[in-house]
Amino acid sequence: MQRNVGSKLEMAVRVRGFVRAHPFSDPTHAALGARLEEAVTKAQALAVREQTGRLDAGAAVRHRRELRRYLQRELIRYVSRVGGVASKDHPELIGRFVAPRAQMRSATFLARAWDLLEAAKTHRELLAAHGLAATQVDDLATALNRYEAATDRADAGRRAHVGARAELLSIMADLGELVRLLDTLNQMRFRDDPDLRAAWDSARNQVVARPQPEEPLAGPTPAPPGAEPPLGKAA
C-alpha cells in the first residue's frame, strides 16, 4: 500500500473515531456516519488483502528464483551435458538436450525445461548408459513441479494484490467525499465550540510524514563579544 493511500486510511479511521465519540442526532446525518463506518471497515479489509497478496507474491517469486538457480546449476546442467555426450553416438538426439538460457522469461524457461525432461524420460535407458541416474530424472520432475507451483502462487498473489488495490482506490475516493460532507456539517455543528472544532480539524487532517532536513555541519563556535582571540591568531 502506497504511503499516500495509507495516510488517507489513517485519517479516515481518526474521523470514524471522532464521529463515534460525537454522533449526529439527526437521522439523515447519522446515516452518513453509518456509511463512513461501512466504508472504513471495507477499506481496512482491502488494505490487508492488498498487503497479503503483495507478500505472498514476493515470497513465491523468491522461492521460484532459488528453484531456478538449483535447476540451472545442477539438474538441468547435468541432464543437458549427459544428453550432449549421448548425441555424439546418436545424431538424432542433437538439439534435444539444449539447456534453457539464463535470460529466458519464466514461462519460456519452464516450457523448455519440461521439454528437456520429456526427452530425458523418453531416452532414459540410453542416458543411463552415459551417467544419468533414474533418481536425477525424478528429481528434475519434482523440482519443475515445485517451480510451476511457485509460479502459480506468485500469479495468484499478484492478482489478489492488484485487485484489492483497485477496489481500495475506489473506496478511498468515496471516503474522501464522505469526509468532505462531514466536514461541512461539523464546521456548522461546532461553530460555537472551538475546542470540538479544533478536535475535528485535527482528526480530518491528512498527515504525510516528510523526511527531516539534515542538520548543517557544525562549524567553529563564534566567540562571545569581548572574548580574547585564540593563541597564535591576531585579534
Protein backbone atom coordinates (compact mmCIF):
# COMPACT_ATOMS: atom_id res chain seq x y z
CA MET A 1 0.00 0.00 0.00
CA GLN A 2 1.44 3.36 -1.01
CA ARG A 3 2.21 5.88 1.73
CA ASN A 4 -0.36 8.36 0.41
CA VAL A 5 -3.17 5.77 0.49
CA GLY A 6 -2.08 4.64 3.94
CA SER A 7 -2.16 8.17 5.34
CA LYS A 8 -5.65 8.71 3.89
CA LEU A 9 -6.86 5.50 5.51
CA GLU A 10 -5.37 6.55 8.84
CA MET A 11 -7.22 9.86 8.53
CA ALA A 12 -10.49 8.03 7.78
CA VAL A 13 -10.01 5.89 10.90
CA ARG A 14 -9.49 9.03 13.02
CA VAL A 15 -12.62 10.58 11.52
CA ARG A 16 -14.58 7.42 12.31
CA GLY A 17 -13.39 7.61 15.91
CA PHE A 18 -14.47 11.24 16.18
CA VAL A 19 -17.91 10.50 14.72
CA ARG A 20 -18.33 7.61 17.14
CA ALA A 21 -17.48 9.90 20.05
CA HIS A 22 -19.72 12.71 18.75
CA PRO A 23 -22.62 11.09 16.85
CA PHE A 24 -25.17 13.09 14.89
CA SER A 25 -28.63 13.43 16.38
CA ASP A 26 -30.32 13.98 13.02
CA PRO A 27 -31.12 10.58 11.39
CA THR A 28 -30.17 11.82 7.91
CA HIS A 29 -26.77 12.97 9.10
CA ALA A 30 -26.37 9.85 11.24
CA ALA A 31 -26.74 7.82 8.02
CA LEU A 32 -23.57 9.48 6.75
CA GLY A 33 -21.79 8.22 9.85
CA ALA A 34 -23.08 4.71 9.17
CA ARG A 35 -21.79 4.92 5.59
CA LEU A 36 -18.43 6.04 6.94
CA GLU A 37 -18.29 3.06 9.31
CA GLU A 38 -19.02 0.63 6.49
CA ALA A 39 -16.55 2.23 4.10
CA VAL A 40 -13.70 2.34 6.62
CA THR A 41 -14.25 -1.30 7.61
CA LYS A 42 -14.18 -2.36 3.96
CA ALA A 43 -11.11 -0.25 3.23
CA GLN A 44 -9.23 -1.82 6.15
CA ALA A 45 -10.06 -5.31 4.90
CA LEU A 46 -8.92 -4.40 1.38
CA ALA A 47 -5.67 -2.97 2.74
CA VAL A 48 -4.98 -6.29 4.47
CA ARG A 49 -5.80 -8.21 1.28
CA GLU A 50 -3.52 -5.99 -0.76
CA GLN A 51 -0.62 -6.39 1.65
CA THR A 52 -1.14 -10.15 1.94
CA GLY A 53 -1.21 -10.54 -1.84
CA ARG A 54 1.95 -8.46 -2.18
CA LEU A 55 3.78 -10.52 0.47
CA ASP A 56 2.58 -13.84 -0.98
CA ALA A 57 3.70 -12.86 -4.47
CA GLY A 58 7.09 -11.69 -3.21
CA ALA A 59 7.70 -14.88 -1.23
CA ALA A 60 6.71 -17.06 -4.20
CA VAL A 61 8.97 -15.13 -6.57
CA ARG A 62 11.94 -15.52 -4.20
CA HIS A 63 11.25 -19.25 -3.87
CA ARG A 64 10.99 -19.58 -7.64
CA ARG A 65 14.29 -17.76 -8.06
CA GLU A 66 16.01 -20.20 -5.69
CA LEU A 67 14.50 -23.16 -7.53
CA ARG A 68 15.64 -21.80 -10.87
CA ARG A 69 19.21 -21.44 -9.65
CA TYR A 70 19.11 -25.01 -8.36
CA LEU A 71 17.67 -26.29 -11.64
CA GLN A 72 20.11 -24.45 -13.86
CA ARG A 73 23.26 -25.04 -11.85
CA GLU A 74 22.66 -28.70 -11.03
CA LEU A 75 19.85 -30.78 -12.56
CA ILE A 76 19.35 -29.14 -15.94
CA ARG A 77 23.08 -28.65 -16.47
CA TYR A 78 23.82 -32.30 -15.81
CA VAL A 79 20.96 -33.68 -17.92
CA SER A 80 21.95 -31.37 -20.77
CA ARG A 81 25.59 -32.43 -20.62
CA VAL A 82 24.77 -36.12 -20.49
CA GLY A 83 22.43 -35.65 -23.45
CA GLY A 84 25.18 -33.85 -25.34
CA VAL A 85 27.57 -36.76 -24.76
CA ALA A 86 24.93 -39.30 -25.86
CA SER A 87 24.15 -37.33 -29.02
CA LYS A 88 27.71 -37.88 -30.28
CA ASP A 89 26.84 -41.55 -30.83
CA HIS A 90 23.19 -40.85 -31.66
CA PRO A 91 22.95 -37.87 -34.05
CA GLU A 92 19.15 -37.98 -33.89
CA LEU A 93 19.43 -36.57 -30.34
CA ILE A 94 21.34 -33.47 -31.41
CA GLY A 95 19.42 -30.39 -30.22
CA ARG A 96 17.12 -32.35 -27.90
CA PHE A 97 19.10 -31.62 -24.73
CA VAL A 98 19.88 -27.93 -25.03
CA ALA A 99 19.53 -26.24 -21.64
CA PRO A 100 17.25 -23.19 -21.39
CA ARG A 101 19.20 -19.94 -21.31
CA ALA A 102 19.55 -17.98 -18.09
CA GLN A 103 17.97 -14.81 -19.53
CA MET A 104 14.78 -16.56 -20.65
CA ARG A 105 11.50 -15.38 -19.19
CA SER A 106 9.99 -17.68 -16.59
CA ALA A 107 7.29 -19.16 -18.84
CA THR A 108 9.76 -19.82 -21.67
CA PHE A 109 12.29 -21.30 -19.26
CA LEU A 110 9.68 -23.63 -17.79
CA ALA A 111 8.43 -24.79 -21.20
CA ARG A 112 11.98 -25.52 -22.36
CA ALA A 113 12.78 -27.35 -19.11
CA TRP A 114 9.67 -29.53 -19.42
CA ASP A 115 10.73 -30.41 -22.97
CA LEU A 116 14.18 -31.37 -21.67
CA LEU A 117 12.58 -33.58 -19.02
CA GLU A 118 10.39 -35.35 -21.59
CA ALA A 119 13.44 -36.03 -23.74
CA ALA A 120 15.23 -37.46 -20.69
CA LYS A 121 12.27 -39.73 -19.89
CA THR A 122 11.98 -40.91 -23.48
CA HIS A 123 15.69 -41.80 -23.67
CA ARG A 124 16.14 -42.78 -20.02
CA GLU A 125 17.95 -46.06 -20.72
CA LEU A 126 20.27 -44.54 -23.28
CA LEU A 127 21.17 -41.66 -20.97
CA ALA A 128 21.69 -44.05 -18.06
CA ALA A 129 24.47 -45.67 -20.05
CA HIS A 130 26.19 -42.27 -20.12
CA GLY A 131 25.80 -41.48 -16.40
CA LEU A 132 22.27 -40.19 -15.83
CA ALA A 133 20.67 -41.88 -12.80
CA ALA A 134 16.93 -42.52 -12.66
CA THR A 135 16.73 -40.52 -9.42
CA GLN A 136 18.11 -37.46 -11.23
CA VAL A 137 15.29 -37.63 -13.77
CA ASP A 138 12.78 -37.89 -10.92
CA ASP A 139 14.47 -35.02 -9.07
CA LEU A 140 14.18 -32.86 -12.18
CA ALA A 141 10.45 -33.62 -12.46
CA THR A 142 9.91 -32.80 -8.76
CA ALA A 143 11.82 -29.52 -8.99
CA LEU A 144 9.92 -28.45 -12.12
CA ASN A 145 6.59 -29.17 -10.42
CA ARG A 146 7.68 -27.05 -7.46
CA TYR A 147 8.80 -24.29 -9.83
CA GLU A 148 5.44 -24.33 -11.59
CA ALA A 149 3.60 -24.26 -8.24
CA ALA A 150 5.67 -21.26 -7.13
CA THR A 151 4.78 -19.50 -10.38
CA ASP A 152 1.09 -20.15 -9.77
CA ARG A 153 1.38 -18.75 -6.22
CA ALA A 154 3.18 -15.67 -7.49
CA ASP A 155 0.49 -15.06 -10.11
CA ALA A 156 -2.31 -15.58 -7.56
CA GLY A 157 -0.70 -13.20 -5.10
CA ARG A 158 -0.22 -10.59 -7.81
CA ARG A 159 -3.86 -10.86 -8.88
CA ALA A 160 -5.02 -10.52 -5.28
CA HIS A 161 -2.77 -7.51 -4.74
CA VAL A 162 -3.79 -5.71 -7.93
CA GLY A 163 -7.49 -6.43 -7.48
CA ALA A 164 -7.55 -5.33 -3.85
CA ARG A 165 -5.63 -2.17 -4.70
CA ALA A 166 -8.11 -1.21 -7.44
CA GLU A 167 -11.02 -1.67 -5.02
CA LEU A 168 -9.16 0.19 -2.29
CA LEU A 169 -8.51 3.21 -4.51
CA SER A 170 -12.19 3.31 -5.44
CA ILE A 171 -13.42 3.16 -1.86
CA MET A 172 -10.85 5.75 -0.75
CA ALA A 173 -12.34 8.14 -3.29
CA ASP A 174 -15.76 7.52 -1.74
CA LEU A 175 -14.33 8.08 1.72
CA GLY A 176 -12.87 11.38 0.59
CA GLU A 177 -16.31 12.59 -0.48
CA LEU A 178 -17.85 11.43 2.82
CA VAL A 179 -15.23 13.24 4.87
CA ARG A 180 -15.82 16.44 2.93
CA LEU A 181 -19.56 16.19 3.63
CA LEU A 182 -18.92 15.51 7.30
CA ASP A 183 -16.50 18.43 7.43
CA THR A 184 -19.17 20.81 6.19
CA LEU A 185 -21.64 19.50 8.76
CA ASN A 186 -19.19 19.59 11.64
CA GLN A 187 -17.96 23.08 10.85
CA MET A 188 -21.59 24.21 11.23
CA ARG A 189 -22.27 21.94 14.21
CA PHE A 190 -19.26 23.13 16.21
CA ARG A 191 -19.12 26.76 15.09
CA ASP A 192 -19.68 27.86 18.71
CA ASP A 193 -17.40 25.24 20.24
CA PRO A 194 -13.78 25.98 19.28
CA ASP A 195 -12.39 23.00 21.21
CA LEU A 196 -14.52 20.43 19.36
CA ARG A 197 -13.96 22.21 16.06
CA ALA A 198 -10.21 22.03 16.62
CA ALA A 199 -10.50 18.35 17.55
CA TRP A 200 -12.43 17.69 14.34
CA ASP A 201 -9.91 19.60 12.25
CA SER A 202 -7.13 17.51 13.78
CA ALA A 203 -8.98 14.27 13.00
CA ARG A 204 -9.64 15.08 9.36
CA ASN A 205 -6.19 16.43 8.54
CA GLN A 206 -4.11 14.04 6.48
CA VAL A 207 -0.61 13.93 7.90
CA VAL A 208 2.09 12.80 5.50
CA ALA A 209 5.47 12.08 7.04
CA ARG A 210 8.25 14.07 5.43
CA PRO A 211 11.96 13.45 5.82
CA GLN A 212 13.58 15.75 8.33
CA PRO A 213 16.11 18.20 6.85
CA GLU A 214 19.69 17.39 7.61
CA GLU A 215 21.33 19.50 10.28
CA PRO A 216 24.13 21.72 8.98
CA LEU A 217 27.63 20.57 9.74
CA ALA A 218 28.89 22.09 12.96
CA GLY A 219 31.43 24.86 12.42
CA PRO A 220 33.62 26.70 14.89
CA THR A 221 31.65 28.22 17.74
CA PRO A 222 31.80 32.00 17.46
CA ALA A 223 33.48 33.68 20.41
CA PRO A 224 31.27 35.82 22.62
CA PRO A 225 31.64 39.59 22.26
CA GLY A 226 34.72 40.87 24.03
CA ALA A 227 36.43 37.48 24.32
CA GLU A 228 40.17 37.20 23.63
CA PRO A 229 41.15 35.56 20.32
CA PRO A 230 42.79 32.09 20.38
CA LEU A 231 46.54 31.91 20.91
CA GLY A 232 48.56 32.30 17.76
CA LYS A 233 45.96 34.41 15.95
CA ALA A 234 45.75 38.10 15.65
CA ALA A 235 42.96 39.87 17.40
